[in-house]
PDB file of all heavy atoms in Angstrom:
ATOM      1  N   GLU A   1      71.331  69.939  90.309  1.00  0.00           N
ATOM      2  CA  GLU A   1      69.904  69.624  90.584  1.00  0.00           C
ATOM      3  C   GLU A   1      69.131  69.123  89.376  1.00  0.00           C
ATOM      4  O   GLU A   1      68.259  68.298  89.627  1.00  0.00           O
ATOM      5  CB  GLU A   1      69.279  70.825  91.298  1.00  0.00           C
ATOM      6  CG  GLU A   1      69.878  71.186  92.652  1.00  0.00           C
ATOM      7  CD  GLU A   1      69.094  72.403  93.365  1.00  0.00           C
ATOM      8  OE1 GLU A   1      67.916  72.704  92.910  1.00  0.00           O
ATOM      9  OE2 GLU A   1      69.650  73.091  94.195  1.00  0.00           O
ATOM     10  N   ALA A   2      69.410  69.581  88.281  1.00  0.00           N
ATOM     11  CA  ALA A   2      68.702  69.201  87.126  1.00  0.00           C
ATOM     12  C   ALA A   2      69.241  67.775  86.560  1.00  0.00           C
ATOM     13  O   ALA A   2      68.627  67.300  85.593  1.00  0.00           O
ATOM     14  CB  ALA A   2      68.910  70.253  86.036  1.00  0.00           C
ATOM     15  N   GLY A   3      70.316  67.350  87.039  1.00  0.00           N
ATOM     16  CA  GLY A   3      70.851  65.950  86.703  1.00  0.00           C
ATOM     17  C   GLY A   3      71.692  66.105  85.459  1.00  0.00           C
ATOM     18  O   GLY A   3      71.799  65.182  84.565  1.00  0.00           O
ATOM     19  N   HIS A   4      72.430  67.185  85.244  1.00  0.00           N
ATOM     20  CA  HIS A   4      73.438  67.251  84.119  1.00  0.00           C
ATOM     21  C   HIS A   4      74.457  66.227  84.075  1.00  0.00           C
ATOM     22  O   HIS A   4      74.989  65.993  85.177  1.00  0.00           O
ATOM     23  CB  HIS A   4      73.922  68.719  83.975  1.00  0.00           C
ATOM     24  CG  HIS A   4      72.965  69.734  83.689  1.00  0.00           C
ATOM     25  ND1 HIS A   4      72.335  70.499  84.711  1.00  0.00           N
ATOM     26  CD2 HIS A   4      72.661  70.213  82.493  1.00  0.00           C
ATOM     27  CE1 HIS A   4      71.638  71.348  83.968  1.00  0.00           C
ATOM     28  NE2 HIS A   4      71.734  71.209  82.705  1.00  0.00           N
ATOM     29  N   ARG A   5      74.648  65.762  82.900  1.00  0.00           N
ATOM     30  CA  ARG A   5      75.691  64.805  82.678  1.00  0.00           C
ATOM     31  C   ARG A   5      76.400  65.137  81.322  1.00  0.00           C
ATOM     32  O   ARG A   5      75.755  65.684  80.413  1.00  0.00           O
ATOM     33  CB  ARG A   5      75.208  63.374  82.507  1.00  0.00           C
ATOM     34  CG  ARG A   5      74.518  62.824  83.840  1.00  0.00           C
ATOM     35  CD  ARG A   5      73.825  61.557  83.657  1.00  0.00           C
ATOM     36  NE  ARG A   5      73.250  61.228  84.849  1.00  0.00           N
ATOM     37  CZ  ARG A   5      73.033  59.858  85.250  1.00  0.00           C
ATOM     38  NH1 ARG A   5      73.452  59.043  84.484  1.00  0.00           N
ATOM     39  NH2 ARG A   5      72.531  59.592  86.489  1.00  0.00           N
ATOM     40  N   VAL A   6      77.623  64.755  81.226  1.00  0.00           N
ATOM     41  CA  VAL A   6      78.495  65.184  80.059  1.00  0.00           C
ATOM     42  C   VAL A   6      78.929  63.830  79.458  1.00  0.00           C
ATOM     43  O   VAL A   6      79.419  62.949  80.211  1.00  0.00           O
ATOM     44  CB  VAL A   6      79.741  66.030  80.352  1.00  0.00           C
ATOM     45  CG1 VAL A   6      80.451  66.286  79.114  1.00  0.00           C
ATOM     46  CG2 VAL A   6      79.211  67.373  80.906  1.00  0.00           C
ATOM     47  N   VAL A   7      78.694  63.534  78.218  1.00  0.00           N
ATOM     48  CA  VAL A   7      79.320  62.376  77.622  1.00  0.00           C
ATOM     49  C   VAL A   7      80.430  62.794  76.577  1.00  0.00           C
ATOM     50  O   VAL A   7      80.092  63.717  75.739  1.00  0.00           O
ATOM     51  CB  VAL A   7      78.200  61.688  76.783  1.00  0.00           C
ATOM     52  CG1 VAL A   7      78.771  60.480  76.011  1.00  0.00           C
ATOM     53  CG2 VAL A   7      77.054  61.244  77.696  1.00  0.00           C
ATOM     54  N   LEU A   8      81.528  62.301  76.847  1.00  0.00           N
ATOM     55  CA  LEU A   8      82.727  62.610  76.019  1.00  0.00           C
ATOM     56  C   LEU A   8      83.060  61.368  75.220  1.00  0.00           C
ATOM     57  O   LEU A   8      83.112  60.303  75.633  1.00  0.00           O
ATOM     58  CB  LEU A   8      83.884  62.774  76.925  1.00  0.00           C
ATOM     59  CG  LEU A   8      83.845  63.867  77.996  1.00  0.00           C
ATOM     60  CD1 LEU A   8      85.038  63.829  78.889  1.00  0.00           C
ATOM     61  CD2 LEU A   8      83.812  65.261  77.377  1.00  0.00           C
ATOM     62  N   ASN A   9      83.076  61.690  73.836  1.00  0.00           N
ATOM     63  CA  ASN A   9      83.599  60.633  72.853  1.00  0.00           C
ATOM     64  C   ASN A   9      83.993  61.173  71.614  1.00  0.00           C
ATOM     65  O   ASN A   9      83.676  62.289  71.151  1.00  0.00           O
ATOM     66  CB  ASN A   9      82.478  59.603  72.625  1.00  0.00           C
ATOM     67  CG  ASN A   9      81.223  60.227  72.081  1.00  0.00           C
ATOM     68  OD1 ASN A   9      81.311  61.270  71.491  1.00  0.00           O
ATOM     69  ND2 ASN A   9      80.116  59.534  72.307  1.00  0.00           N
ATOM     70  N   ASP A  10      85.071  60.518  70.922  1.00  0.00           N
ATOM     71  CA  ASP A  10      85.582  60.942  69.634  1.00  0.00           C
ATOM     72  C   ASP A  10      85.962  62.427  69.531  1.00  0.00           C
ATOM     73  O   ASP A  10      85.595  63.096  68.618  1.00  0.00           O
ATOM     74  CB  ASP A  10      84.629  60.474  68.608  1.00  0.00           C
ATOM     75  CG  ASP A  10      84.472  59.070  68.491  1.00  0.00           C
ATOM     76  OD1 ASP A  10      85.347  58.293  68.849  1.00  0.00           O
ATOM     77  OD2 ASP A  10      83.354  58.542  67.993  1.00  0.00           O
ATOM     78  N   GLY A  11      86.415  62.943  70.577  1.00  0.00           N
ATOM     79  CA  GLY A  11      86.802  64.373  70.606  1.00  0.00           C
ATOM     80  C   GLY A  11      85.732  65.480  70.754  1.00  0.00           C
ATOM     81  O   GLY A  11      85.970  66.530  70.639  1.00  0.00           O
ATOM     82  N   GLY A  12      84.639  64.894  70.987  1.00  0.00           N
ATOM     83  CA  GLY A  12      83.461  65.850  71.170  1.00  0.00           C
ATOM     84  C   GLY A  12      82.688  65.618  72.501  1.00  0.00           C
ATOM     85  O   GLY A  12      83.124  64.664  73.228  1.00  0.00           O
ATOM     86  N   TYR A  13      81.736  66.318  72.877  1.00  0.00           N
ATOM     87  CA  TYR A  13      81.027  66.185  74.051  1.00  0.00           C
ATOM     88  C   TYR A  13      79.527  66.554  73.832  1.00  0.00           C
ATOM     89  O   TYR A  13      79.265  67.360  72.999  1.00  0.00           O
ATOM     90  CB  TYR A  13      81.584  66.933  75.235  1.00  0.00           C
ATOM     91  CG  TYR A  13      81.369  68.355  75.120  1.00  0.00           C
ATOM     92  CD1 TYR A  13      80.372  68.975  75.912  1.00  0.00           C
ATOM     93  CD2 TYR A  13      82.081  69.249  74.418  1.00  0.00           C
ATOM     94  CE1 TYR A  13      80.109  70.273  75.856  1.00  0.00           C
ATOM     95  CE2 TYR A  13      81.809  70.647  74.425  1.00  0.00           C
ATOM     96  CZ  TYR A  13      80.805  71.236  75.144  1.00  0.00           C
ATOM     97  OH  TYR A  13      80.606  72.450  75.109  1.00  0.00           O
ATOM     98  N   ALA A  14      78.731  66.042  74.744  1.00  0.00           N
ATOM     99  CA  ALA A  14      77.307  66.371  74.740  1.00  0.00           C
ATOM    100  C   ALA A  14      76.814  66.482  76.227  1.00  0.00           C
ATOM    101  O   ALA A  14      77.197  65.654  76.922  1.00  0.00           O
ATOM    102  CB  ALA A  14      76.513  65.333  73.891  1.00  0.00           C
ATOM    103  N   VAL A  15      76.034  67.576  76.446  1.00  0.00           N
ATOM    104  CA  VAL A  15      75.463  67.794  77.831  1.00  0.00           C
ATOM    105  C   VAL A  15      74.045  67.378  77.726  1.00  0.00           C
ATOM    106  O   VAL A  15      73.312  67.741  76.797  1.00  0.00           O
ATOM    107  CB  VAL A  15      75.678  69.197  78.230  1.00  0.00           C
ATOM    108  CG1 VAL A  15      74.985  69.477  79.637  1.00  0.00           C
ATOM    109  CG2 VAL A  15      77.063  69.620  78.278  1.00  0.00           C
ATOM    110  N   SER A  16      73.550  66.609  78.697  1.00  0.00           N
ATOM    111  CA  SER A  16      72.212  66.183  78.747  1.00  0.00           C
ATOM    112  C   SER A  16      71.682  65.994  80.171  1.00  0.00           C
ATOM    113  O   SER A  16      72.496  66.050  81.161  1.00  0.00           O
ATOM    114  CB  SER A  16      71.992  64.881  77.953  1.00  0.00           C
ATOM    115  OG  SER A  16      72.547  63.803  78.762  1.00  0.00           O
ATOM    116  N   THR A  17      70.362  65.958  80.308  1.00  0.00           N
ATOM    117  CA  THR A  17      69.721  65.776  81.649  1.00  0.00           C
ATOM    118  C   THR A  17      68.899  64.558  81.641  1.00  0.00           C
ATOM    119  O   THR A  17      68.344  64.242  82.567  1.00  0.00           O
ATOM    120  CB  THR A  17      68.866  66.953  82.090  1.00  0.00           C
ATOM    121  OG1 THR A  17      67.956  67.221  81.129  1.00  0.00           O
ATOM    122  CG2 THR A  17      69.691  68.149  82.348  1.00  0.00           C
ATOM    123  N   SER A  18      68.859  63.784  80.540  1.00  0.00           N
ATOM    124  CA  SER A  18      68.077  62.572  80.424  1.00  0.00           C
ATOM    125  C   SER A  18      68.676  61.571  79.297  1.00  0.00           C
ATOM    126  O   SER A  18      69.563  61.925  78.623  1.00  0.00           O
ATOM    127  CB  SER A  18      66.610  63.010  80.028  1.00  0.00           C
ATOM    128  OG  SER A  18      66.579  63.512  78.661  1.00  0.00           O
ATOM    129  N   GLY A  19      68.044  60.422  79.368  1.00  0.00           N
ATOM    130  CA  GLY A  19      68.436  59.473  78.291  1.00  0.00           C
ATOM    131  C   GLY A  19      69.695  58.601  78.615  1.00  0.00           C
ATOM    132  O   GLY A  19      70.193  57.967  77.846  1.00  0.00           O
ATOM    133  N   SER A  20      70.084  58.516  79.945  1.00  0.00           N
ATOM    134  CA  SER A  20      71.313  57.814  80.250  1.00  0.00           C
ATOM    135  C   SER A  20      70.791  56.573  81.064  1.00  0.00           C
ATOM    136  O   SER A  20      69.978  56.595  81.950  1.00  0.00           O
ATOM    137  CB  SER A  20      72.179  58.697  81.155  1.00  0.00           C
ATOM    138  OG  SER A  20      73.253  57.870  81.542  1.00  0.00           O
ATOM    139  N   SER A  21      71.530  55.546  80.875  1.00  0.00           N
ATOM    140  CA  SER A  21      71.262  54.265  81.620  1.00  0.00           C
ATOM    141  C   SER A  21      72.308  54.085  82.726  1.00  0.00           C
ATOM    142  O   SER A  21      72.412  53.031  83.450  1.00  0.00           O
ATOM    143  CB  SER A  21      71.213  53.097  80.706  1.00  0.00           C
ATOM    144  OG  SER A  21      72.415  52.879  80.100  1.00  0.00           O
ATOM    145  N   THR A  22      73.314  55.036  82.790  1.00  0.00           N
ATOM    146  CA  THR A  22      74.386  54.934  83.702  1.00  0.00           C
ATOM    147  C   THR A  22      73.931  55.248  85.145  1.00  0.00           C
ATOM    148  O   THR A  22      73.171  56.306  85.371  1.00  0.00           O
ATOM    149  CB  THR A  22      75.570  55.905  83.481  1.00  0.00           C
ATOM    150  OG1 THR A  22      75.869  55.617  82.062  1.00  0.00           O
ATOM    151  CG2 THR A  22      76.855  55.758  84.229  1.00  0.00           C
ATOM    152  N   LEU A  23      74.292  54.493  86.092  1.00  0.00           N
ATOM    153  CA  LEU A  23      73.822  54.681  87.464  1.00  0.00           C
ATOM    154  C   LEU A  23      75.034  55.310  88.329  1.00  0.00           C
ATOM    155  O   LEU A  23      76.163  54.756  88.254  1.00  0.00           O
ATOM    156  CB  LEU A  23      73.406  53.396  88.164  1.00  0.00           C
ATOM    157  CG  LEU A  23      72.880  53.528  89.689  1.00  0.00           C
ATOM    158  CD1 LEU A  23      71.669  54.408  89.674  1.00  0.00           C
ATOM    159  CD2 LEU A  23      72.568  52.086  90.032  1.00  0.00           C
ATOM    160  N   PHE A  24      74.715  56.497  88.865  1.00  0.00           N
ATOM    161  CA  PHE A  24      75.913  57.163  89.640  1.00  0.00           C
ATOM    162  C   PHE A  24      75.402  57.243  91.086  1.00  0.00           C
ATOM    163  O   PHE A  24      74.315  57.413  91.399  1.00  0.00           O
ATOM    164  CB  PHE A  24      76.013  58.628  89.064  1.00  0.00           C
ATOM    165  CG  PHE A  24      76.753  58.697  87.842  1.00  0.00           C
ATOM    166  CD1 PHE A  24      76.192  58.874  86.704  1.00  0.00           C
ATOM    167  CD2 PHE A  24      78.171  58.561  87.825  1.00  0.00           C
ATOM    168  CE1 PHE A  24      76.804  58.997  85.435  1.00  0.00           C
ATOM    169  CE2 PHE A  24      78.830  58.580  86.604  1.00  0.00           C
ATOM    170  CZ  PHE A  24      78.166  58.782  85.400  1.00  0.00           C
ATOM    171  N   SER A  25      76.415  57.193  91.988  1.00  0.00           N
ATOM    172  CA  SER A  25      76.207  57.480  93.449  1.00  0.00           C
ATOM    173  C   SER A  25      76.657  58.925  93.646  1.00  0.00           C
ATOM    174  O   SER A  25      77.566  59.429  93.099  1.00  0.00           O
ATOM    175  CB  SER A  25      77.092  56.576  94.300  1.00  0.00           C
ATOM    176  OG  SER A  25      77.135  56.867  95.519  1.00  0.00           O
ATOM    177  N   GLN A  26      75.726  59.573  94.521  1.00  0.00           N
ATOM    178  CA  GLN A  26      76.129  60.928  94.829  1.00  0.00           C
ATOM    179  C   GLN A  26      76.138  61.092  96.397  1.00  0.00           C
ATOM    180  O   GLN A  26      75.209  61.339  96.909  1.00  0.00           O
ATOM    181  CB  GLN A  26      75.108  61.927  94.206  1.00  0.00           C
ATOM    182  CG  GLN A  26      74.999  61.901  92.703  1.00  0.00           C
ATOM    183  CD  GLN A  26      74.046  62.759  92.199  1.00  0.00           C
ATOM    184  OE1 GLN A  26      73.125  63.259  92.843  1.00  0.00           O
ATOM    185  NE2 GLN A  26      74.193  63.091  90.895  1.00  0.00           N
ATOM    186  N   PRO A  27      77.281  60.907  96.902  1.00  0.00           N
ATOM    187  CA  PRO A  27      77.369  61.009  98.394  1.00  0.00           C
ATOM    188  C   PRO A  27      77.063  62.443  98.895  1.00  0.00           C
ATOM    189  O   PRO A  27      77.167  63.376  98.084  1.00  0.00           O
ATOM    190  CB  PRO A  27      78.861  60.730  98.691  1.00  0.00           C
ATOM    191  CG  PRO A  27      79.374  60.126  97.475  1.00  0.00           C
ATOM    192  CD  PRO A  27      78.521  60.554  96.366  1.00  0.00           C
TER     193      PRO A  27
END
């Protein structure tokens, strides 16, 4: 509900709820 997203790169990860330009579909 809060819009959490995880970004994985270079062996690490970050969890965020803002700052992304990626568009996702949520059926």
